[in-house]
Amino acid sequence: MPKLTVHDRKGNKVGTLNVEAEDFASSINKQLLHDAVVMYQANQRQGSHKTKSRGEVAGTTKKMYRQKGTGNARAGSRRSGVRRGGGHIFAIKPRDYSYRLPRKALQLATRMAFASKVQDDELVVIDDLKFDAPKTKDMAQVIKNLGCDGSSLLVTTAEHDVNVYKSARNIAKVSVSRASDLNALNLLSSRRVLITKAAIEALKAKAGGNGSSASTSDGEE
């Protein structure tokens, strides 16, 4: 069984952890991952875009010139969509782009995304990650010691840790999430994942308990 190296805050090897991709998903379905990512991205859209139709543009409604006898094409209001300053013919209206895939499909997609990180060796395990107080400098040093600097990074802890979050929020390309909040989008958006030993053991236990190959498991979205 493949073993992941467990590091300490200084980057030293302090142990190993038996983890393989099949612990989370028996196979990786790229189409399902794509569908999940597109859904999460669509749900983030504001949908507040708007342009004015000819009925909303300021201006006179008077006919520009008489219908016949000028030699020109017939024309109505200056607010017509074919004229400069006029309204849009097919005006864009605010809309809601959000939609939902089945819950179990999203849960499976999350496990597949995590399995892909294991498979591609993009997972870095740390034995413990705690701070007495928020300290961005200390967090940056830990990331550098583990060789995770220079690329996008998702820091994952077993539970929400305020000090870890505040220590990492000002570091470029670094985001923080607790294990229960992982989803296909934040996993695949980050080049590497820095995860605590407790968090990966909790994820492994939950995936194993619910059946990693079953699409009906109740993992986190």
Protein backbone atom coordinates (compact mmCIF):
# COMPACT_ATOMS: atom_id res chain seq x y z
CA MET A 1 0.00 0.00 0.00
CA PRO A 2 1.32 3.46 -0.88
CA LYS A 3 2.53 5.50 2.04
CA LEU A 4 2.38 9.25 2.42
CA THR A 5 5.18 10.92 4.31
CA VAL A 6 4.10 12.86 7.38
CA HIS A 7 6.12 16.01 8.04
CA ASP A 8 6.50 18.33 10.96
CA ARG A 9 6.39 22.12 10.78
CA LYS A 10 10.08 22.26 9.86
CA GLY A 11 9.66 19.90 6.93
CA ASN A 12 11.28 16.91 8.64
CA LYS A 13 9.89 13.43 8.13
CA VAL A 14 8.20 12.17 11.32
CA GLY A 15 6.25 9.19 10.04
CA THR A 16 4.18 7.68 7.27
CA LEU A 17 0.48 7.24 6.58
CA ASN A 18 -1.07 4.40 4.59
CA VAL A 19 -3.28 6.14 2.05
CA GLU A 20 -4.22 5.35 -1.54
CA ALA A 21 -6.65 6.85 -4.02
CA GLU A 22 -8.98 3.83 -3.77
CA ASP A 23 -9.61 4.69 -0.12
CA PHE A 24 -11.75 7.58 -1.35
CA ALA A 25 -12.99 6.55 -4.80
CA SER A 26 -12.57 3.33 -6.77
CA SER A 27 -12.27 5.31 -10.01
CA ILE A 28 -12.17 8.92 -11.17
CA ASN A 29 -14.90 10.12 -13.51
CA LYS A 30 -13.68 13.26 -15.29
CA GLN A 31 -17.15 14.10 -16.59
CA LEU A 32 -18.61 14.10 -13.08
CA LEU A 33 -15.76 16.28 -11.84
CA HIS A 34 -16.34 18.70 -14.72
CA ASP A 35 -20.08 18.86 -14.03
CA ALA A 36 -19.48 19.54 -10.33
CA VAL A 37 -16.91 22.29 -10.97
CA VAL A 38 -19.15 24.01 -13.54
CA MET A 39 -22.04 23.93 -11.05
CA TYR A 40 -19.97 25.50 -8.24
CA GLN A 41 -18.67 28.19 -10.60
CA ALA A 42 -22.17 28.95 -11.90
CA ASN A 43 -23.43 29.30 -8.33
CA GLN A 44 -20.75 31.92 -7.67
CA ARG A 45 -21.96 34.18 -10.49
CA GLN A 46 -23.74 37.33 -9.35
CA GLY A 47 -26.00 37.49 -12.36
CA SER A 48 -26.40 41.25 -11.85
CA HIS A 49 -25.59 42.17 -15.46
CA LYS A 50 -28.09 44.40 -17.23
CA THR A 51 -28.42 46.52 -20.36
CA LYS A 52 -31.28 48.83 -21.32
CA SER A 53 -33.90 48.00 -23.88
CA ARG A 54 -35.30 50.69 -26.20
CA GLY A 55 -38.10 51.23 -23.71
CA GLU A 56 -35.64 52.07 -20.92
CA VAL A 57 -33.26 54.38 -22.77
CA ALA A 58 -33.75 58.12 -22.23
CA GLY A 59 -34.83 59.97 -25.35
CA THR A 60 -37.77 61.12 -27.41
CA THR A 61 -40.21 58.71 -28.97
CA LYS A 62 -40.89 61.12 -31.85
CA LYS A 63 -40.57 59.69 -35.31
CA MET A 64 -37.29 60.93 -36.81
CA TYR A 65 -38.75 61.85 -40.22
CA ARG A 66 -41.82 61.13 -42.26
CA GLN A 67 -42.51 57.61 -43.41
CA LYS A 68 -42.37 58.22 -47.13
CA GLY A 69 -40.84 60.58 -49.67
CA THR A 70 -37.36 61.06 -48.20
CA GLY A 71 -35.60 58.29 -50.09
CA ASN A 72 -34.34 56.87 -46.81
CA ALA A 73 -35.41 53.70 -45.13
CA ARG A 74 -38.33 54.17 -42.81
CA ALA A 75 -37.27 54.99 -39.27
CA GLY A 76 -39.01 55.38 -35.94
CA SER A 77 -37.58 56.46 -32.59
CA ARG A 78 -33.97 57.44 -31.93
CA ARG A 79 -34.08 54.85 -29.16
CA SER A 80 -34.12 52.08 -31.72
CA GLY A 81 -31.50 49.39 -31.18
CA VAL A 82 -29.97 49.98 -34.63
CA ARG A 83 -28.94 53.54 -33.74
CA ARG A 84 -26.09 54.83 -31.62
CA GLY A 85 -27.33 55.61 -28.13
CA GLY A 86 -30.35 53.40 -28.58
CA GLY A 87 -31.33 50.44 -26.46
CA HIS A 88 -30.17 46.88 -26.95
CA ILE A 89 -32.43 44.85 -29.19
CA PHE A 90 -32.07 41.78 -26.97
CA ALA A 91 -31.35 43.49 -23.66
CA ILE A 92 -29.50 41.53 -20.98
CA LYS A 93 -31.50 41.12 -17.79
CA PRO A 94 -30.39 40.09 -14.28
CA ARG A 95 -30.74 36.37 -13.75
CA ASP A 96 -29.91 33.61 -11.32
CA TYR A 97 -27.37 31.12 -12.71
CA SER A 98 -27.43 28.77 -9.72
CA TYR A 99 -28.54 25.17 -9.93
CA ARG A 100 -27.89 21.97 -8.02
CA LEU A 101 -26.63 18.55 -8.97
CA PRO A 102 -27.82 15.60 -6.90
CA ARG A 103 -26.27 15.67 -3.41
CA LYS A 104 -24.80 12.19 -3.69
CA ALA A 105 -23.20 13.04 -7.04
CA LEU A 106 -21.49 16.06 -5.44
CA GLN A 107 -20.29 13.97 -2.52
CA LEU A 108 -18.82 11.40 -4.89
CA ALA A 109 -17.19 14.19 -6.95
CA THR A 110 -15.53 15.52 -3.79
CA ARG A 111 -14.07 12.10 -2.99
CA MET A 112 -12.91 11.70 -6.59
CA ALA A 113 -11.20 15.08 -6.51
CA PHE A 114 -9.40 14.14 -3.29
CA ALA A 115 -8.45 10.77 -4.76
CA SER A 116 -6.95 12.55 -7.77
CA LYS A 117 -4.75 14.60 -5.42
CA VAL A 118 -3.50 11.39 -3.81
CA GLN A 119 -2.99 9.77 -7.20
CA ASP A 120 -1.07 12.74 -8.61
CA ASP A 121 1.11 13.10 -5.49
CA GLU A 122 -0.20 16.59 -4.81
CA LEU A 123 -0.95 15.94 -1.16
CA VAL A 124 1.37 17.12 1.63
CA VAL A 125 0.64 15.77 5.11
CA ILE A 126 1.67 17.59 8.29
CA ASP A 127 1.43 16.05 11.74
CA ASP A 128 -0.06 19.13 13.38
CA LEU A 129 -0.79 22.72 12.42
CA LYS A 130 -1.65 24.99 15.33
CA PHE A 131 -0.74 28.53 16.32
CA ASP A 132 -1.01 30.21 19.71
CA ALA A 133 -2.02 33.40 17.90
CA PRO A 134 -2.47 34.48 14.28
CA LYS A 135 0.96 34.92 12.70
CA THR A 136 1.26 35.20 8.92
CA LYS A 137 5.06 35.06 9.08
CA ASP A 138 5.00 31.70 10.89
CA MET A 139 2.48 30.27 8.46
CA ALA A 140 4.53 31.40 5.48
CA GLN A 141 7.60 29.75 6.99
CA VAL A 142 5.76 26.46 7.49
CA ILE A 143 4.60 26.51 3.87
CA LYS A 144 8.14 27.22 2.70
CA ASN A 145 9.61 24.44 4.89
CA LEU A 146 7.22 21.95 3.32
CA GLY A 147 8.06 23.08 -0.21
CA CYS A 148 4.53 24.27 -0.91
CA ASP A 149 5.37 27.89 -1.71
CA GLY A 150 5.24 29.31 -5.22
CA SER A 151 1.96 27.70 -6.26
CA SER A 152 -1.69 27.69 -5.24
CA LEU A 153 -2.25 25.84 -1.98
CA LEU A 154 -5.28 24.62 -0.05
CA VAL A 155 -4.67 24.21 3.68
CA THR A 156 -7.03 21.69 5.25
CA THR A 157 -7.58 21.09 8.96
CA ALA A 158 -9.86 18.65 10.76
CA GLU A 159 -11.87 21.44 12.37
CA HIS A 160 -12.12 25.16 11.80
CA ASP A 161 -9.06 26.83 13.35
CA VAL A 162 -9.32 30.62 13.61
CA ASN A 163 -5.58 31.10 14.11
CA VAL A 164 -4.72 28.99 11.07
CA TYR A 165 -7.26 30.87 8.95
CA LYS A 166 -6.07 34.30 10.05
CA SER A 167 -2.43 33.29 9.60
CA ALA A 168 -2.97 32.22 6.00
CA ARG A 169 -5.61 34.61 4.65
CA ASN A 170 -3.10 37.29 3.60
CA ILE A 171 -0.78 34.89 1.79
CA ALA A 172 -1.19 34.96 -1.99
CA LYS A 173 -2.69 31.85 -3.58
CA VAL A 174 -3.32 30.20 -0.20
CA SER A 175 -6.81 29.27 1.00
CA VAL A 176 -7.98 27.46 4.11
CA SER A 177 -10.80 24.95 4.54
CA ARG A 178 -11.81 22.45 7.15
CA ALA A 179 -12.16 18.86 6.00
CA SER A 180 -15.95 18.89 6.11
CA ASP A 181 -16.08 21.91 3.75
CA LEU A 182 -14.00 20.39 0.95
CA ASN A 183 -15.59 20.18 -2.47
CA ALA A 184 -14.51 19.39 -6.01
CA LEU A 185 -13.95 23.06 -6.88
CA ASN A 186 -11.62 24.10 -4.06
CA LEU A 187 -9.68 20.83 -4.31
CA LEU A 188 -9.11 21.05 -8.07
CA SER A 189 -8.50 24.81 -8.04
CA SER A 190 -5.41 24.40 -5.87
CA ARG A 191 -2.19 22.96 -7.24
CA ARG A 192 -1.36 21.29 -3.93
CA VAL A 193 -3.17 20.41 -0.71
CA LEU A 194 -1.53 20.77 2.70
CA ILE A 195 -3.56 18.63 5.09
CA THR A 196 -3.15 17.69 8.73
CA LYS A 197 -2.85 14.06 9.72
CA ALA A 198 -6.05 14.28 11.74
CA ALA A 199 -7.97 15.67 8.77
CA ILE A 200 -6.86 13.01 6.31
CA GLU A 201 -7.59 10.23 8.80
CA ALA A 202 -11.07 11.62 9.37
CA LEU A 203 -11.72 11.81 5.62
CA LYS A 204 -10.40 8.30 5.10
CA ALA A 205 -12.53 6.90 7.91
CA LYS A 206 -15.67 8.58 6.61
CA ALA A 207 -15.08 7.48 3.03
CA GLY A 208 -14.35 3.94 4.17
CA GLY A 209 -17.36 3.81 6.43
CA ASN A 210 -19.69 4.96 3.69
CA GLY A 211 -18.18 2.87 0.90
CA SER A 212 -15.66 4.71 -1.26
CA SER A 213 -16.87 3.10 -4.49
CA ALA A 214 -20.58 3.65 -3.87
CA SER A 215 -22.27 6.66 -5.37
CA THR A 216 -24.74 6.68 -2.47
CA SER A 217 -22.22 7.54 0.24
CA ASP A 218 -22.86 10.53 2.45
CA GLY A 219 -19.47 12.25 2.30
CA GLU A 220 -19.13 16.00 2.43
CA GLU A 221 -20.12 18.15 -0.53
